[in-house]
Amino acid sequence: MVQVERSGAWPQPTPPRRAPGAAERLAAAPSAATDESAVRRKADQALVDRLAARGWTGPEYVVLEAGLLERGRRTLHRWITTGEIYRRCFDKGRPLQGDQAERTALRERLDERESVVGEAVTLAWHRFREHALVGGDWNCDGGATLASYFVGAVLLAFPDAHRRWLREHRREPEPLPADGLPETAHGTGPAADEVFGDAEHGLAAAEELIARLQPGIGPERCRVIAQIVYGRACGMSDAEIGRVLGISADAVAMRMLRFRGTLDAGQ
């Protein structure tokens, strides 16, 4: 028997408990992406701790470096070809210079794109290693995985590499007839002396050679190409030449390909 309250009002029935909707369940549940990121960041932290204990050497370090460099290259190539790189750099307060023709050249010419991408990624890695890894700027509580942190470093390094590429691109002359480089200039070791003379005057002789092969070449580009040619003639690897010039081995190779291309086009 249902009792009546003293006030005379019937008791109000308790409303049935409503099952939470999909939106409420989603809001209450932890994000799967957040969970995955946290797991990856913890794994990254464990890796960084191991690498630090080993003095940043060993197979794991080599694998990390190769993986991040490849990630950076793929990302930059995609951003350049889609044009997204210009928006991202603008959002970072570092807008890129260049007219539409220069942007088109960078987007459509693989050799040009490889050159600037290689420089940007190499520069980003040096900064990332010094500050994020060895310096301890990265940590798992910062919200970014090692990979995403490195991609951010690549983005910040790109404007510097792009400015250098733009200077060289604007100074690049029209292809002119040439006899090509002497075979000894592509050789190694003592063959360099046959073309350039002794080491003291070798670089100056190399610059004269490049200027003769391609009249009108800008002084900065002439100097860079001469250093690459002379370095190769002396038996240096592209990686060793790149360390002297502050660019990557890929960038060294791309510069020589571009230079050879202008010579071949003029023949």
C-alpha atoms as a PDB file:
ATOM      1  CA  MET A   1       0.000   0.000   0.000  1.00  0.00           C
ATOM      2  CA  VAL A   2       1.396   3.325  -1.094  1.00  0.00           C
ATOM      3  CA  GLN A   3       1.586   5.822   1.712  1.00  0.00           C
ATOM      4  CA  VAL A   4       0.623   9.425   1.197  1.00  0.00           C
ATOM      5  CA  GLU A   5       2.839  12.205   2.468  1.00  0.00           C
ATOM      6  CA  ARG A   6       1.398  14.325   5.258  1.00  0.00           C
ATOM      7  CA  SER A   7       1.063  17.224   2.843  1.00  0.00           C
ATOM      8  CA  GLY A   8      -1.393  15.127   0.917  1.00  0.00           C
ATOM      9  CA  ALA A   9       0.723  14.991  -2.276  1.00  0.00           C
ATOM     10  CA  TRP A  10       1.445  11.728  -3.939  1.00  0.00           C
ATOM     11  CA  PRO A  11       5.126  10.723  -3.857  1.00  0.00           C
ATOM     12  CA  GLN A  12       7.000  11.415  -7.079  1.00  0.00           C
ATOM     13  CA  PRO A  13       8.347   8.276  -8.758  1.00  0.00           C
ATOM     14  CA  THR A  14      12.119   8.051  -9.110  1.00  0.00           C
ATOM     15  CA  PRO A  15      13.013   8.519 -12.802  1.00  0.00           C
ATOM     16  CA  PRO A  16      14.791   5.527 -14.331  1.00  0.00           C
ATOM     17  CA  ARG A  17      18.553   5.924 -14.693  1.00  0.00           C
ATOM     18  CA  ARG A  18      19.378   6.861 -18.271  1.00  0.00           C
ATOM     19  CA  ALA A  19      22.248   5.114 -19.936  1.00  0.00           C
ATOM     20  CA  PRO A  20      24.963   7.587 -20.950  1.00  0.00           C
ATOM     21  CA  GLY A  21      24.934   8.540 -24.590  1.00  0.00           C
ATOM     22  CA  ALA A  22      27.775   7.989 -27.037  1.00  0.00           C
ATOM     23  CA  ALA A  23      29.050  11.566 -26.644  1.00  0.00           C
ATOM     24  CA  GLU A  24      29.092  11.251 -22.849  1.00  0.00           C
ATOM     25  CA  ARG A  25      30.880   7.925 -22.975  1.00  0.00           C
ATOM     26  CA  LEU A  26      33.475   9.400 -25.349  1.00  0.00           C
ATOM     27  CA  ALA A  27      34.034  12.392 -23.093  1.00  0.00           C
ATOM     28  CA  ALA A  28      34.386  10.246 -20.001  1.00  0.00           C
ATOM     29  CA  ALA A  29      36.674   7.671 -21.577  1.00  0.00           C
ATOM     30  CA  PRO A  30      40.372   8.431 -22.000  1.00  0.00           C
ATOM     31  CA  SER A  31      41.371   9.203 -25.566  1.00  0.00           C
ATOM     32  CA  ALA A  32      42.896   6.239 -27.359  1.00  0.00           C
ATOM     33  CA  ALA A  33      45.232   8.603 -29.188  1.00  0.00           C
ATOM     34  CA  THR A  34      46.314  10.150 -25.903  1.00  0.00           C
ATOM     35  CA  ASP A  35      46.968   6.718 -24.426  1.00  0.00           C
ATOM     36  CA  GLU A  36      48.989   5.684 -27.466  1.00  0.00           C
ATOM     37  CA  SER A  37      51.018   8.894 -27.378  1.00  0.00           C
ATOM     38  CA  ALA A  38      51.757   8.433 -23.695  1.00  0.00           C
ATOM     39  CA  VAL A  39      52.943   4.875 -24.292  1.00  0.00           C
ATOM     40  CA  ARG A  40      55.172   5.964 -27.154  1.00  0.00           C
ATOM     41  CA  ARG A  41      56.589   8.865 -25.148  1.00  0.00           C
ATOM     42  CA  LYS A  42      57.457   6.552 -22.280  1.00  0.00           C
ATOM     43  CA  ALA A  43      59.153   4.169 -24.689  1.00  0.00           C
ATOM     44  CA  ASP A  44      61.033   7.108 -26.196  1.00  0.00           C
ATOM     45  CA  GLN A  45      62.138   8.201 -22.732  1.00  0.00           C
ATOM     46  CA  ALA A  46      63.456   4.728 -21.992  1.00  0.00           C
ATOM     47  CA  LEU A  47      65.355   4.795 -25.283  1.00  0.00           C
ATOM     48  CA  VAL A  48      66.847   8.216 -24.553  1.00  0.00           C
ATOM     49  CA  ASP A  49      67.939   7.051 -21.100  1.00  0.00           C
ATOM     50  CA  ARG A  50      69.683   4.027 -22.620  1.00  0.00           C
ATOM     51  CA  LEU A  51      71.394   6.105 -25.299  1.00  0.00           C
ATOM     52  CA  ALA A  52      72.569   8.654 -22.744  1.00  0.00           C
ATOM     53  CA  ALA A  53      74.070   5.870 -20.633  1.00  0.00           C
ATOM     54  CA  ARG A  54      75.923   4.599 -23.725  1.00  0.00           C
ATOM     55  CA  GLY A  55      77.290   7.995 -24.696  1.00  0.00           C
ATOM     56  CA  TRP A  56      74.937   8.424 -27.668  1.00  0.00           C
ATOM     57  CA  THR A  57      76.530   5.601 -29.633  1.00  0.00           C
ATOM     58  CA  GLY A  58      75.642   2.075 -30.638  1.00  0.00           C
ATOM     59  CA  PRO A  59      73.115   0.347 -32.913  1.00  0.00           C
ATOM     60  CA  GLU A  60      70.038   1.865 -31.270  1.00  0.00           C
ATOM     61  CA  TYR A  61      71.413   5.357 -31.802  1.00  0.00           C
ATOM     62  CA  VAL A  62      72.141   4.593 -35.476  1.00  0.00           C
ATOM     63  CA  VAL A  63      68.618   3.254 -35.965  1.00  0.00           C
ATOM     64  CA  LEU A  64      67.091   6.295 -34.246  1.00  0.00           C
ATOM     65  CA  GLU A  65      69.096   8.718 -36.368  1.00  0.00           C
ATOM     66  CA  ALA A  66      68.292   6.950 -39.632  1.00  0.00           C
ATOM     67  CA  GLY A  67      64.597   6.700 -38.790  1.00  0.00           C
ATOM     68  CA  LEU A  68      64.224  10.345 -37.816  1.00  0.00           C
ATOM     69  CA  LEU A  69      66.181  11.590 -40.829  1.00  0.00           C
ATOM     70  CA  GLU A  70      63.962   9.565 -43.144  1.00  0.00           C
ATOM     71  CA  ARG A  71      60.846  10.807 -41.346  1.00  0.00           C
ATOM     72  CA  GLY A  72      62.040  14.386 -41.755  1.00  0.00           C
ATOM     73  CA  ARG A  73      62.823  13.930 -45.459  1.00  0.00           C
ATOM     74  CA  ARG A  74      59.465  12.366 -46.269  1.00  0.00           C
ATOM     75  CA  THR A  75      57.592  15.043 -44.355  1.00  0.00           C
ATOM     76  CA  LEU A  76      59.423  17.927 -46.020  1.00  0.00           C
ATOM     77  CA  HIS A  77      59.002  16.480 -49.509  1.00  0.00           C
ATOM     78  CA  ARG A  78      55.268  16.179 -48.881  1.00  0.00           C
ATOM     79  CA  TRP A  79      54.939  19.678 -47.447  1.00  0.00           C
ATOM     80  CA  ILE A  80      56.858  21.222 -50.346  1.00  0.00           C
ATOM     81  CA  THR A  81      54.924  19.419 -53.072  1.00  0.00           C
ATOM     82  CA  THR A  82      51.577  20.300 -51.494  1.00  0.00           C
ATOM     83  CA  GLY A  83      52.623  23.856 -50.632  1.00  0.00           C
ATOM     84  CA  GLU A  84      51.880  23.275 -46.962  1.00  0.00           C
ATOM     85  CA  ILE A  85      55.432  24.276 -45.990  1.00  0.00           C
ATOM     86  CA  TYR A  86      54.690  27.942 -46.740  1.00  0.00           C
ATOM     87  CA  ARG A  87      51.700  28.040 -44.410  1.00  0.00           C
ATOM     88  CA  ARG A  88      53.522  26.214 -41.633  1.00  0.00           C
ATOM     89  CA  CYS A  89      56.549  28.507 -41.794  1.00  0.00           C
ATOM     90  CA  PHE A  90      54.268  31.553 -41.860  1.00  0.00           C
ATOM     91  CA  ASP A  91      52.435  30.286 -38.777  1.00  0.00           C
ATOM     92  CA  LYS A  92      55.807  29.963 -37.023  1.00  0.00           C
ATOM     93  CA  GLY A  93      56.592  33.598 -37.781  1.00  0.00           C
ATOM     94  CA  ARG A  94      59.241  32.662 -40.364  1.00  0.00           C
ATOM     95  CA  PRO A  95      57.620  33.257 -43.773  1.00  0.00           C
ATOM     96  CA  LEU A  96      59.513  31.999 -46.808  1.00  0.00           C
ATOM     97  CA  GLN A  97      60.623  34.288 -49.600  1.00  0.00           C
ATOM     98  CA  GLY A  98      60.436  33.487 -53.300  1.00  0.00           C
ATOM     99  CA  ASP A  99      58.110  34.142 -56.208  1.00  0.00           C
ATOM    100  CA  GLN A 100      55.751  31.684 -57.846  1.00  0.00           C
ATOM    101  CA  ALA A 101      58.321  30.535 -60.410  1.00  0.00           C
ATOM    102  CA  GLU A 102      60.794  29.686 -57.656  1.00  0.00           C
ATOM    103  CA  ARG A 103      58.148  27.801 -55.703  1.00  0.00           C
ATOM    104  CA  THR A 104      57.249  25.888 -58.843  1.00  0.00           C
ATOM    105  CA  ALA A 105      60.899  24.973 -59.445  1.00  0.00           C
ATOM    106  CA  LEU A 106      61.216  23.693 -55.904  1.00  0.00           C
ATOM    107  CA  ARG A 107      57.991  21.711 -56.195  1.00  0.00           C
ATOM    108  CA  GLU A 108      58.590  20.166 -59.615  1.00  0.00           C
ATOM    109  CA  ARG A 109      62.367  19.647 -59.749  1.00  0.00           C
ATOM    110  CA  LEU A 110      63.421  16.709 -57.616  1.00  0.00           C
ATOM    111  CA  ASP A 111      67.108  17.676 -57.626  1.00  0.00           C
ATOM    112  CA  GLU A 112      66.318  21.148 -56.305  1.00  0.00           C
ATOM    113  CA  ARG A 113      63.967  19.759 -53.698  1.00  0.00           C
ATOM    114  CA  GLU A 114      66.428  17.077 -52.603  1.00  0.00           C
ATOM    115  CA  SER A 115      69.100  19.717 -52.129  1.00  0.00           C
ATOM    116  CA  VAL A 116      67.111  21.958 -49.803  1.00  0.00           C
ATOM    117  CA  VAL A 117      65.475  19.030 -47.992  1.00  0.00           C
ATOM    118  CA  GLY A 118      68.844  17.405 -47.337  1.00  0.00           C
ATOM    119  CA  GLU A 119      70.269  20.602 -45.888  1.00  0.00           C
ATOM    120  CA  ALA A 120      67.241  21.309 -43.703  1.00  0.00           C
ATOM    121  CA  VAL A 121      67.062  17.794 -42.279  1.00  0.00           C
ATOM    122  CA  THR A 122      70.797  17.655 -41.592  1.00  0.00           C
ATOM    123  CA  LEU A 123      70.732  21.032 -39.869  1.00  0.00           C
ATOM    124  CA  ALA A 124      67.695  19.967 -37.839  1.00  0.00           C
ATOM    125  CA  TRP A 125      69.424  16.741 -36.753  1.00  0.00           C
ATOM    126  CA  HIS A 126      72.506  18.565 -35.478  1.00  0.00           C
ATOM    127  CA  ARG A 127      70.326  20.925 -33.443  1.00  0.00           C
ATOM    128  CA  PHE A 128      68.063  18.107 -32.278  1.00  0.00           C
ATOM    129  CA  ARG A 129      70.975  15.981 -31.110  1.00  0.00           C
ATOM    130  CA  GLU A 130      72.682  18.850 -29.303  1.00  0.00           C
ATOM    131  CA  HIS A 131      69.652  20.340 -27.607  1.00  0.00           C
ATOM    132  CA  ALA A 132      66.832  17.785 -27.503  1.00  0.00           C
ATOM    133  CA  LEU A 133      68.873  14.663 -26.816  1.00  0.00           C
ATOM    134  CA  VAL A 134      72.221  15.538 -25.257  1.00  0.00           C
ATOM    135  CA  GLY A 135      70.972  18.824 -23.817  1.00  0.00           C
ATOM    136  CA  GLY A 136      67.830  17.235 -22.383  1.00  0.00           C
ATOM    137  CA  ASP A 137      65.344  19.679 -23.887  1.00  0.00           C
ATOM    138  CA  TRP A 138      63.056  16.788 -24.846  1.00  0.00           C
ATOM    139  CA  ASN A 139      61.300  14.763 -22.166  1.00  0.00           C
ATOM    140  CA  CYS A 140      58.309  12.471 -22.184  1.00  0.00           C
ATOM    141  CA  ASP A 141      56.172  14.891 -20.161  1.00  0.00           C
ATOM    142  CA  GLY A 142      56.357  17.555 -22.861  1.00  0.00           C
ATOM    143  CA  GLY A 143      53.525  16.041 -24.887  1.00  0.00           C
ATOM    144  CA  ALA A 144      55.547  15.233 -28.023  1.00  0.00           C
ATOM    145  CA  THR A 145      57.128  11.996 -29.115  1.00  0.00           C
ATOM    146  CA  LEU A 146      60.712  12.035 -30.352  1.00  0.00           C
ATOM    147  CA  ALA A 147      59.467  11.790 -33.934  1.00  0.00           C
ATOM    148  CA  SER A 148      57.038  14.701 -33.697  1.00  0.00           C
ATOM    149  CA  TYR A 149      59.611  16.782 -31.801  1.00  0.00           C
ATOM    150  CA  PHE A 150      62.142  16.176 -34.575  1.00  0.00           C
ATOM    151  CA  VAL A 151      59.640  17.113 -37.282  1.00  0.00           C
ATOM    152  CA  GLY A 152      59.175  20.382 -35.418  1.00  0.00           C
ATOM    153  CA  ALA A 153      62.943  20.883 -35.483  1.00  0.00           C
ATOM    154  CA  VAL A 154      62.940  20.242 -39.239  1.00  0.00           C
ATOM    155  CA  LEU A 155      60.261  22.875 -39.725  1.00  0.00           C
ATOM    156  CA  LEU A 156      62.300  25.442 -37.793  1.00  0.00           C
ATOM    157  CA  ALA A 157      65.457  24.600 -39.751  1.00  0.00           C
ATOM    158  CA  PHE A 158      63.824  24.770 -43.181  1.00  0.00           C
ATOM    159  CA  PRO A 159      63.795  28.587 -43.586  1.00  0.00           C
ATOM    160  CA  ASP A 160      67.597  28.737 -43.177  1.00  0.00           C
ATOM    161  CA  ALA A 161      68.138  26.021 -45.789  1.00  0.00           C
ATOM    162  CA  HIS A 162      65.568  27.642 -48.068  1.00  0.00           C
ATOM    163  CA  ARG A 163      67.306  31.022 -47.927  1.00  0.00           C
ATOM    164  CA  ARG A 164      70.609  29.429 -48.935  1.00  0.00           C
ATOM    165  CA  TRP A 165      68.923  27.536 -51.772  1.00  0.00           C
ATOM    166  CA  LEU A 166      67.212  30.718 -52.946  1.00  0.00           C
ATOM    167  CA  ARG A 167      70.506  32.632 -53.087  1.00  0.00           C
ATOM    168  CA  GLU A 168      72.118  29.919 -55.199  1.00  0.00           C
ATOM    169  CA  HIS A 169      69.048  29.485 -57.389  1.00  0.00           C
ATOM    170  CA  ARG A 170      68.890  33.186 -58.214  1.00  0.00           C
ATOM    171  CA  ARG A 171      72.580  33.307 -59.077  1.00  0.00           C
ATOM    172  CA  GLU A 172      72.488  30.209 -61.267  1.00  0.00           C
ATOM    173  CA  PRO A 173      73.353  31.267 -64.831  1.00  0.00           C
ATOM    174  CA  GLU A 174      71.893  29.974 -68.040  1.00  0.00           C
ATOM    175  CA  PRO A 175      73.597  26.790 -69.305  1.00  0.00           C
ATOM    176  CA  LEU A 176      76.639  27.659 -71.394  1.00  0.00           C
ATOM    177  CA  PRO A 177      78.801  25.512 -73.683  1.00  0.00           C
ATOM    178  CA  ALA A 178      81.681  23.797 -71.910  1.00  0.00           C
ATOM    179  CA  ASP A 179      84.162  21.016 -72.469  1.00  0.00           C
ATOM    180  CA  GLY A 180      83.234  19.293 -69.244  1.00  0.00           C
ATOM    181  CA  LEU A 181      85.318  18.597 -66.201  1.00  0.00           C
ATOM    182  CA  PRO A 182      88.663  16.816 -66.634  1.00  0.00           C
ATOM    183  CA  GLU A 183      88.478  13.147 -65.710  1.00  0.00           C
ATOM    184  CA  THR A 184      91.108  13.671 -63.015  1.00  0.00           C
ATOM    185  CA  ALA A 185      88.782  16.102 -61.304  1.00  0.00           C
ATOM    186  CA  HIS A 186      86.445  13.192 -60.559  1.00  0.00           C
ATOM    187  CA  GLY A 187      89.192  10.883 -59.387  1.00  0.00           C
ATOM    188  CA  THR A 188      90.858  10.517 -56.024  1.00  0.00           C
ATOM    189  CA  GLY A 189      94.196  10.981 -54.339  1.00  0.00           C
ATOM    190  CA  PRO A 190      97.297  12.210 -56.208  1.00  0.00           C
ATOM    191  CA  ALA A 191      95.337  12.787 -59.421  1.00  0.00           C
ATOM    192  CA  ALA A 192      94.223  16.078 -57.912  1.00  0.00           C
ATOM    193  CA  ASP A 193      97.721  17.493 -58.217  1.00  0.00           C
ATOM    194  CA  GLU A 194      97.652  16.986 -61.979  1.00  0.00           C
ATOM    195  CA  VAL A 195      94.714  19.396 -62.208  1.00  0.00           C
ATOM    196  CA  PHE A 196      94.963  21.726 -59.251  1.00  0.00           C
ATOM    197  CA  GLY A 197      98.608  21.695 -58.199  1.00  0.00           C
ATOM    198  CA  ASP A 198      99.653  21.570 -54.555  1.00  0.00           C
ATOM    199  CA  ALA A 199      97.204  21.782 -51.666  1.00  0.00           C
ATOM    200  CA  GLU A 200      98.006  25.429 -50.883  1.00  0.00           C
ATOM    201  CA  HIS A 201      96.847  26.678 -54.265  1.00  0.00           C
ATOM    202  CA  GLY A 202      94.530  23.829 -55.191  1.00  0.00           C
ATOM    203  CA  LEU A 203      91.252  25.452 -54.169  1.00  0.00           C
ATOM    204  CA  ALA A 204      92.041  28.682 -55.992  1.00  0.00           C
ATOM    205  CA  ALA A 205      92.860  26.679 -59.118  1.00  0.00           C
ATOM    206  CA  ALA A 206      89.591  24.780 -58.727  1.00  0.00           C
ATOM    207  CA  GLU A 207      87.620  28.034 -58.591  1.00  0.00           C
ATOM    208  CA  GLU A 208      89.363  29.226 -61.759  1.00  0.00           C
ATOM    209  CA  LEU A 209      88.447  25.966 -63.449  1.00  0.00           C
ATOM    210  CA  ILE A 210      84.778  26.206 -62.476  1.00  0.00           C
ATOM    211  CA  ALA A 211      84.592  29.857 -63.555  1.00  0.00           C
ATOM    212  CA  ARG A 212      86.117  28.937 -66.907  1.00  0.00           C
ATOM    213  CA  LEU A 213      83.722  26.048 -67.444  1.00  0.00           C
ATOM    214  CA  GLN A 214      80.687  28.136 -66.565  1.00  0.00           C
ATOM    215  CA  PRO A 215      81.278  31.865 -67.105  1.00  0.00           C
ATOM    216  CA  GLY A 216      78.954  34.081 -65.123  1.00  0.00           C
ATOM    217  CA  ILE A 217      78.529  31.674 -62.224  1.00  0.00           C
ATOM    218  CA  GLY A 218      77.968  33.513 -58.953  1.00  0.00           C
ATOM    219  CA  PRO A 219      80.994  33.736 -56.636  1.00  0.00           C
ATOM    220  CA  GLU A 220      79.311  31.881 -53.762  1.00  0.00           C
ATOM    221  CA  ARG A 221      78.143  28.996 -55.921  1.00  0.00           C
ATOM    222  CA  CYS A 222      81.504  28.878 -57.683  1.00  0.00           C
ATOM    223  CA  ARG A 223      83.271  28.588 -54.340  1.00  0.00           C
ATOM    224  CA  VAL A 224      80.980  25.774 -53.160  1.00  0.00           C
ATOM    225  CA  ILE A 225      81.288  23.777 -56.391  1.00  0.00           C
ATOM    226  CA  ALA A 226      85.063  24.285 -56.386  1.00  0.00           C
ATOM    227  CA  GLN A 227      85.329  22.946 -52.844  1.00  0.00           C
ATOM    228  CA  ILE A 228      83.292  19.884 -53.790  1.00  0.00           C
ATOM    229  CA  VAL A 229      85.317  19.214 -56.934  1.00  0.00           C
ATOM    230  CA  TYR A 230      88.618  19.713 -55.142  1.00  0.00           C
ATOM    231  CA  GLY A 231      87.513  17.644 -52.167  1.00  0.00           C
ATOM    232  CA  ARG A 232      86.479  14.737 -54.384  1.00  0.00           C
ATOM    233  CA  ALA A 233      89.722  14.994 -56.328  1.00  0.00           C
ATOM    234  CA  CYS A 234      91.624  14.730 -53.056  1.00  0.00           C
ATOM    235  CA  GLY A 235      89.766  11.550 -52.141  1.00  0.00           C
ATOM    236  CA  MET A 236      87.285  13.005 -49.672  1.00  0.00           C
ATOM    237  CA  SER A 237      83.850  11.437 -49.394  1.00  0.00           C
ATOM    238  CA  ASP A 238      80.711  13.541 -49.880  1.00  0.00           C
ATOM    239  CA  ALA A 239      80.043  13.224 -46.148  1.00  0.00           C
ATOM    240  CA  GLU A 240      83.489  14.636 -45.343  1.00  0.00           C
ATOM    241  CA  ILE A 241      83.031  17.474 -47.826  1.00  0.00           C
ATOM    242  CA  GLY A 242      79.594  18.143 -46.369  1.00  0.00           C
ATOM    243  CA  ARG A 243      81.019  18.496 -42.878  1.00  0.00           C
ATOM    244  CA  VAL A 244      83.438  21.141 -44.171  1.00  0.00           C
ATOM    245  CA  LEU A 245      80.656  23.033 -45.957  1.00  0.00           C
ATOM    246  CA  GLY A 246      78.056  22.518 -43.231  1.00  0.00           C
ATOM    247  CA  ILE A 247      75.663  20.621 -45.511  1.00  0.00           C
ATOM    248  CA  SER A 248      74.643  16.985 -45.921  1.00  0.00           C
ATOM    249  CA  ALA A 249      76.295  14.396 -48.158  1.00  0.00           C
ATOM    250  CA  ASP A 250      73.080  14.310 -50.195  1.00  0.00           C
ATOM    251  CA  ALA A 251      73.275  18.067 -50.683  1.00  0.00           C
ATOM    252  CA  VAL A 252      76.883  17.728 -51.894  1.00  0.00           C
ATOM    253  CA  ALA A 253      75.842  15.134 -54.467  1.00  0.00           C
ATOM    254  CA  MET A 254      72.838  17.201 -55.575  1.00  0.00           C
ATOM    255  CA  ARG A 255      74.992  20.293 -56.144  1.00  0.00           C
ATOM    256  CA  MET A 256      77.337  18.334 -58.379  1.00  0.00           C
ATOM    257  CA  LEU A 257      74.407  16.835 -60.288  1.00  0.00           C
ATOM    258  CA  ARG A 258      72.977  20.287 -60.895  1.00  0.00           C
ATOM    259  CA  PHE A 259      76.365  21.625 -61.990  1.00  0.00           C
ATOM    260  CA  ARG A 260      76.945  18.712 -64.367  1.00  0.00           C
ATOM    261  CA  GLY A 261      73.418  19.173 -65.706  1.00  0.00           C
ATOM    262  CA  THR A 262      74.108  22.759 -66.740  1.00  0.00           C
ATOM    263  CA  LEU A 263      77.325  21.673 -68.455  1.00  0.00           C
ATOM    264  CA  ASP A 264      75.640  18.817 -70.299  1.00  0.00           C
ATOM    265  CA  ALA A 265      72.762  21.059 -71.369  1.00  0.00           C
ATOM    266  CA  GLY A 266      75.214  23.518 -72.878  1.00  0.00           C
ATOM    267  CA  GLN A 267      77.104  20.976 -74.955  1.00  0.00           C
END
